[in-house]
Amino acid sequence: MIDPRAQKLIDGYDIQSRLMQRFTDGLSHEESVLQQPPFDANCFNWVLGHMLSSRNEASVTLGQLPLWPEELLALYRTGSDPITDSATAYPLETLLADVDRSREMA
């Protein structure tokens, strides 16, 4: 039987994953790095990558292998430089595939 706290986390990740898939339907990789908000924030590509870096941290804490290597995690950590160019961002399609991979790790 799964601990209720773990189930709550798994359910939350599942909801986040479905929302991310819905929000990105029809969005290109280039569009995911296009809009920089007019306040202290980052583009959608970074937000999605940041969520995945948090999932990576949770997985490692639970003794699983990391989802991403350190150099990729560095792009999406709090305080990292804004992502403004699609050439330096992790491809949106791959980010979305990693969302699915992270759900399978739960």
N, C-alpha and C. Protein backbone atom coordinates (compact mmCIF):
# COMPACT_ATOMS: atom_id res chain seq x y z
N MET A 1 0.84 -1.19 0.00
CA MET A 1 0.00 0.00 0.00
C MET A 1 0.88 1.25 0.00
N ILE A 2 0.52 2.20 -0.83
CA ILE A 2 1.29 3.44 -0.95
C ILE A 2 0.91 4.39 0.19
N ASP A 3 1.92 5.00 0.77
CA ASP A 3 1.71 6.01 1.81
C ASP A 3 0.83 7.12 1.24
N PRO A 4 -0.18 7.58 1.98
CA PRO A 4 -1.07 8.63 1.47
C PRO A 4 -0.35 9.90 1.06
N ARG A 5 0.75 10.23 1.74
CA ARG A 5 1.51 11.43 1.37
C ARG A 5 2.18 11.24 0.01
N ALA A 6 2.69 10.03 -0.22
CA ALA A 6 3.31 9.74 -1.52
C ALA A 6 2.25 9.75 -2.62
N GLN A 7 1.09 9.20 -2.34
CA GLN A 7 0.02 9.19 -3.34
C GLN A 7 -0.41 10.61 -3.70
N LYS A 8 -0.45 11.48 -2.71
CA LYS A 8 -0.80 12.89 -2.96
C LYS A 8 0.23 13.53 -3.89
N LEU A 9 1.49 13.24 -3.68
CA LEU A 9 2.57 13.77 -4.53
C LEU A 9 2.44 13.20 -5.94
N ILE A 10 2.22 11.90 -6.05
CA ILE A 10 2.05 11.27 -7.36
C ILE A 10 0.87 11.87 -8.11
N ASP A 11 -0.24 12.04 -7.40
CA ASP A 11 -1.43 12.63 -8.04
C ASP A 11 -1.18 14.06 -8.49
N GLY A 12 -0.45 14.83 -7.68
CA GLY A 12 -0.12 16.20 -8.06
C GLY A 12 0.76 16.26 -9.29
N TYR A 13 1.75 15.37 -9.36
CA TYR A 13 2.60 15.31 -10.55
C TYR A 13 1.79 14.93 -11.78
N ASP A 14 0.84 14.02 -11.61
CA ASP A 14 0.01 13.60 -12.73
C ASP A 14 -0.83 14.78 -13.25
N ILE A 15 -1.41 15.54 -12.35
CA ILE A 15 -2.20 16.71 -12.75
C ILE A 15 -1.32 17.74 -13.44
N GLN A 16 -0.14 18.02 -12.87
CA GLN A 16 0.80 18.96 -13.50
C GLN A 16 1.16 18.51 -14.90
N SER A 17 1.43 17.23 -15.04
CA SER A 17 1.84 16.69 -16.34
C SER A 17 0.74 16.87 -17.38
N ARG A 18 -0.48 16.56 -17.01
CA ARG A 18 -1.58 16.72 -17.95
C ARG A 18 -1.79 18.19 -18.31
N LEU A 19 -1.65 19.08 -17.35
CA LEU A 19 -1.79 20.51 -17.63
C LEU A 19 -0.68 21.00 -18.57
N MET A 20 0.54 20.55 -18.34
CA MET A 20 1.64 20.96 -19.21
C MET A 20 1.41 20.48 -20.63
N GLN A 21 0.92 19.26 -20.80
CA GLN A 21 0.62 18.76 -22.13
C GLN A 21 -0.47 19.61 -22.78
N ARG A 22 -1.48 19.98 -22.03
CA ARG A 22 -2.58 20.80 -22.56
C ARG A 22 -2.09 22.20 -22.93
N PHE A 23 -1.28 22.81 -22.06
CA PHE A 23 -0.79 24.17 -22.31
C PHE A 23 0.14 24.24 -23.51
N THR A 24 0.82 23.15 -23.81
CA THR A 24 1.79 23.17 -24.89
C THR A 24 1.25 22.65 -26.21
N ASP A 25 0.01 22.24 -26.23
CA ASP A 25 -0.58 21.72 -27.47
C ASP A 25 -0.49 22.77 -28.57
N GLY A 26 0.25 22.46 -29.62
CA GLY A 26 0.43 23.38 -30.74
C GLY A 26 1.55 24.40 -30.57
N LEU A 27 2.22 24.40 -29.43
CA LEU A 27 3.31 25.34 -29.17
C LEU A 27 4.61 24.78 -29.73
N SER A 28 5.33 25.60 -30.49
CA SER A 28 6.62 25.16 -31.04
C SER A 28 7.73 25.42 -30.02
N HIS A 29 8.86 24.77 -30.24
CA HIS A 29 10.02 24.99 -29.37
C HIS A 29 10.42 26.47 -29.37
N GLU A 30 10.47 27.07 -30.56
CA GLU A 30 10.85 28.48 -30.68
C GLU A 30 9.88 29.38 -29.91
N GLU A 31 8.60 29.08 -29.97
CA GLU A 31 7.60 29.87 -29.23
C GLU A 31 7.76 29.70 -27.72
N SER A 32 8.25 28.55 -27.29
CA SER A 32 8.37 28.31 -25.85
C SER A 32 9.44 29.17 -25.19
N VAL A 33 10.35 29.75 -25.98
CA VAL A 33 11.38 30.63 -25.43
C VAL A 33 11.19 32.08 -25.85
N LEU A 34 10.15 32.35 -26.60
CA LEU A 34 9.93 33.66 -27.17
C LEU A 34 9.54 34.73 -26.15
N GLN A 35 8.58 34.45 -25.35
CA GLN A 35 8.00 35.47 -24.47
C GLN A 35 8.70 35.53 -23.12
N GLN A 36 9.33 36.64 -22.84
CA GLN A 36 9.89 36.89 -21.53
C GLN A 36 8.91 37.80 -20.79
N PRO A 37 8.38 37.35 -19.66
CA PRO A 37 7.43 38.19 -18.92
C PRO A 37 8.06 39.52 -18.51
N PRO A 38 7.24 40.55 -18.32
CA PRO A 38 7.76 41.88 -17.97
C PRO A 38 8.08 42.02 -16.47
N PHE A 39 8.18 40.92 -15.76
CA PHE A 39 8.53 40.92 -14.34
C PHE A 39 9.61 39.86 -14.13
N ASP A 40 10.09 39.71 -12.91
CA ASP A 40 11.19 38.79 -12.63
C ASP A 40 10.71 37.34 -12.78
N ALA A 41 10.75 36.84 -14.00
CA ALA A 41 10.33 35.48 -14.31
C ALA A 41 11.09 35.01 -15.54
N ASN A 42 10.68 33.90 -16.10
CA ASN A 42 11.38 33.34 -17.24
C ASN A 42 10.36 32.83 -18.24
N CYS A 43 10.82 32.36 -19.39
CA CYS A 43 9.95 31.87 -20.45
C CYS A 43 9.33 30.52 -20.05
N PHE A 44 8.35 30.10 -20.84
CA PHE A 44 7.65 28.85 -20.56
C PHE A 44 8.59 27.66 -20.59
N ASN A 45 9.54 27.64 -21.51
CA ASN A 45 10.50 26.56 -21.59
C ASN A 45 11.24 26.41 -20.26
N TRP A 46 11.67 27.53 -19.69
CA TRP A 46 12.38 27.48 -18.42
C TRP A 46 11.46 27.00 -17.30
N VAL A 47 10.23 27.48 -17.26
CA VAL A 47 9.29 27.07 -16.20
C VAL A 47 9.08 25.56 -16.24
N LEU A 48 8.88 25.01 -17.44
CA LEU A 48 8.69 23.58 -17.57
C LEU A 48 9.96 22.83 -17.16
N GLY A 49 11.11 23.30 -17.60
CA GLY A 49 12.37 22.68 -17.20
C GLY A 49 12.62 22.77 -15.71
N HIS A 50 12.22 23.87 -15.11
CA HIS A 50 12.37 24.05 -13.66
C HIS A 50 11.51 23.04 -12.90
N MET A 51 10.30 22.83 -13.37
CA MET A 51 9.43 21.82 -12.74
C MET A 51 10.09 20.44 -12.83
N LEU A 52 10.67 20.14 -13.98
CA LEU A 52 11.34 18.84 -14.15
C LEU A 52 12.58 18.73 -13.28
N SER A 53 13.29 19.84 -13.09
CA SER A 53 14.47 19.77 -12.22
C SER A 53 14.05 19.49 -10.78
N SER A 54 12.89 20.00 -10.38
CA SER A 54 12.37 19.71 -9.04
C SER A 54 11.97 18.24 -8.93
N ARG A 55 11.37 17.70 -9.97
CA ARG A 55 11.02 16.28 -9.98
C ARG A 55 12.29 15.43 -9.92
N ASN A 56 13.32 15.88 -10.62
CA ASN A 56 14.60 15.18 -10.59
C ASN A 56 15.13 15.12 -9.17
N GLU A 57 15.08 16.23 -8.47
CA GLU A 57 15.57 16.29 -7.10
C GLU A 57 14.78 15.35 -6.21
N ALA A 58 13.46 15.30 -6.38
CA ALA A 58 12.63 14.40 -5.58
C ALA A 58 12.99 12.94 -5.87
N SER A 59 13.20 12.61 -7.13
CA SER A 59 13.56 11.24 -7.50
C SER A 59 14.88 10.82 -6.87
N VAL A 60 15.87 11.70 -6.93
CA VAL A 60 17.18 11.39 -6.36
C VAL A 60 17.06 11.23 -4.85
N THR A 61 16.27 12.08 -4.21
CA THR A 61 16.04 11.98 -2.77
C THR A 61 15.45 10.63 -2.39
N LEU A 62 14.61 10.09 -3.29
CA LEU A 62 13.99 8.80 -3.04
C LEU A 62 14.85 7.62 -3.49
N GLY A 63 16.10 7.91 -3.89
CA GLY A 63 17.03 6.86 -4.23
C GLY A 63 16.98 6.38 -5.67
N GLN A 64 16.30 7.11 -6.53
CA GLN A 64 16.24 6.74 -7.94
C GLN A 64 17.35 7.44 -8.71
N LEU A 65 17.62 6.94 -9.91
CA LEU A 65 18.61 7.59 -10.76
C LEU A 65 18.08 8.94 -11.21
N PRO A 66 18.98 9.92 -11.39
CA PRO A 66 18.53 11.23 -11.84
C PRO A 66 17.93 11.18 -13.25
N LEU A 67 16.96 12.02 -13.48
CA LEU A 67 16.33 12.14 -14.79
C LEU A 67 17.28 12.85 -15.76
N TRP A 68 17.99 13.84 -15.28
CA TRP A 68 18.86 14.68 -16.10
C TRP A 68 20.27 14.74 -15.54
N PRO A 69 21.26 15.00 -16.42
CA PRO A 69 22.62 15.24 -15.94
C PRO A 69 22.74 16.65 -15.33
N GLU A 70 23.77 16.84 -14.56
CA GLU A 70 23.97 18.10 -13.84
C GLU A 70 24.00 19.32 -14.76
N GLU A 71 24.66 19.21 -15.92
CA GLU A 71 24.78 20.39 -16.81
C GLU A 71 23.41 20.83 -17.35
N LEU A 72 22.49 19.91 -17.52
CA LEU A 72 21.15 20.28 -17.96
C LEU A 72 20.36 20.87 -16.80
N LEU A 73 20.49 20.30 -15.63
CA LEU A 73 19.80 20.83 -14.45
C LEU A 73 20.19 22.28 -14.20
N ALA A 74 21.44 22.61 -14.44
CA ALA A 74 21.95 23.97 -14.19
C ALA A 74 21.20 25.02 -15.00
N LEU A 75 20.72 24.66 -16.19
CA LEU A 75 19.97 25.62 -17.03
C LEU A 75 18.63 26.03 -16.40
N TYR A 76 18.07 25.17 -15.57
CA TYR A 76 16.70 25.35 -15.10
C TYR A 76 16.57 25.53 -13.59
N ARG A 77 17.67 25.70 -12.91
CA ARG A 77 17.60 25.91 -11.46
C ARG A 77 17.23 27.35 -11.14
N THR A 78 16.68 27.55 -9.95
CA THR A 78 16.39 28.89 -9.47
C THR A 78 17.67 29.72 -9.51
N GLY A 79 17.55 30.92 -10.07
CA GLY A 79 18.70 31.82 -10.16
C GLY A 79 19.51 31.67 -11.43
N SER A 80 19.16 30.69 -12.26
CA SER A 80 19.90 30.52 -13.52
C SER A 80 19.56 31.67 -14.48
N ASP A 81 20.43 31.88 -15.45
CA ASP A 81 20.21 32.94 -16.43
C ASP A 81 18.92 32.68 -17.21
N PRO A 82 18.23 33.74 -17.61
CA PRO A 82 17.02 33.57 -18.43
C PRO A 82 17.35 32.86 -19.74
N ILE A 83 16.44 32.04 -20.19
CA ILE A 83 16.58 31.39 -21.49
C ILE A 83 15.87 32.28 -22.51
N THR A 84 16.65 32.79 -23.46
CA THR A 84 16.08 33.71 -24.45
C THR A 84 16.29 33.25 -25.89
N ASP A 85 17.00 32.14 -26.06
CA ASP A 85 17.33 31.66 -27.39
C ASP A 85 16.99 30.18 -27.50
N SER A 86 16.26 29.81 -28.53
CA SER A 86 15.86 28.41 -28.68
C SER A 86 17.06 27.48 -28.87
N ALA A 87 18.17 28.01 -29.35
CA ALA A 87 19.36 27.17 -29.57
C ALA A 87 20.00 26.74 -28.25
N THR A 88 19.83 27.51 -27.18
CA THR A 88 20.42 27.15 -25.89
C THR A 88 19.45 26.42 -24.98
N ALA A 89 18.18 26.42 -25.32
CA ALA A 89 17.16 25.76 -24.51
C ALA A 89 17.04 24.29 -24.87
N TYR A 90 16.70 23.48 -23.89
CA TYR A 90 16.42 22.07 -24.14
C TYR A 90 15.16 22.02 -25.00
N PRO A 91 15.13 21.21 -26.05
CA PRO A 91 13.97 21.20 -26.96
C PRO A 91 12.65 20.91 -26.23
N LEU A 92 11.64 21.68 -26.57
CA LEU A 92 10.33 21.54 -25.93
C LEU A 92 9.81 20.11 -26.06
N GLU A 93 9.96 19.50 -27.21
CA GLU A 93 9.47 18.14 -27.42
C GLU A 93 10.14 17.17 -26.45
N THR A 94 11.42 17.38 -26.21
CA THR A 94 12.15 16.51 -25.28
C THR A 94 11.73 16.79 -23.85
N LEU A 95 11.51 18.07 -23.51
CA LEU A 95 11.00 18.41 -22.18
C LEU A 95 9.68 17.68 -21.92
N LEU A 96 8.79 17.72 -22.90
CA LEU A 96 7.49 17.07 -22.73
C LEU A 96 7.63 15.55 -22.61
N ALA A 97 8.55 14.98 -23.36
CA ALA A 97 8.81 13.54 -23.23
C ALA A 97 9.36 13.22 -21.84
N ASP A 98 10.18 14.13 -21.30
CA ASP A 98 10.72 13.93 -19.96
C ASP A 98 9.65 14.10 -18.88
N VAL A 99 8.64 14.92 -19.15
CA VAL A 99 7.49 15.00 -18.22
C VAL A 99 6.86 13.62 -18.11
N ASP A 100 6.66 12.97 -19.25
CA ASP A 100 6.08 11.61 -19.24
C ASP A 100 7.01 10.63 -18.53
N ARG A 101 8.32 10.71 -18.81
CA ARG A 101 9.28 9.83 -18.13
C ARG A 101 9.25 10.03 -16.63
N SER A 102 9.12 11.28 -16.19
CA SER A 102 9.11 11.55 -14.75
C SER A 102 7.86 10.99 -14.09
N ARG A 103 6.76 10.94 -14.82
CA ARG A 103 5.53 10.34 -14.28
C ARG A 103 5.70 8.85 -14.08
N GLU A 104 6.42 8.21 -14.99
CA GLU A 104 6.64 6.77 -14.90
C GLU A 104 7.55 6.42 -13.74
N MET A 105 8.37 7.38 -13.30
CA MET A 105 9.30 7.12 -12.20
C MET A 105 8.60 7.11 -10.85
N ALA A 106 7.41 7.67 -10.79
CA ALA A 106 6.69 7.78 -9.50
C ALA A 106 6.21 6.42 -9.03
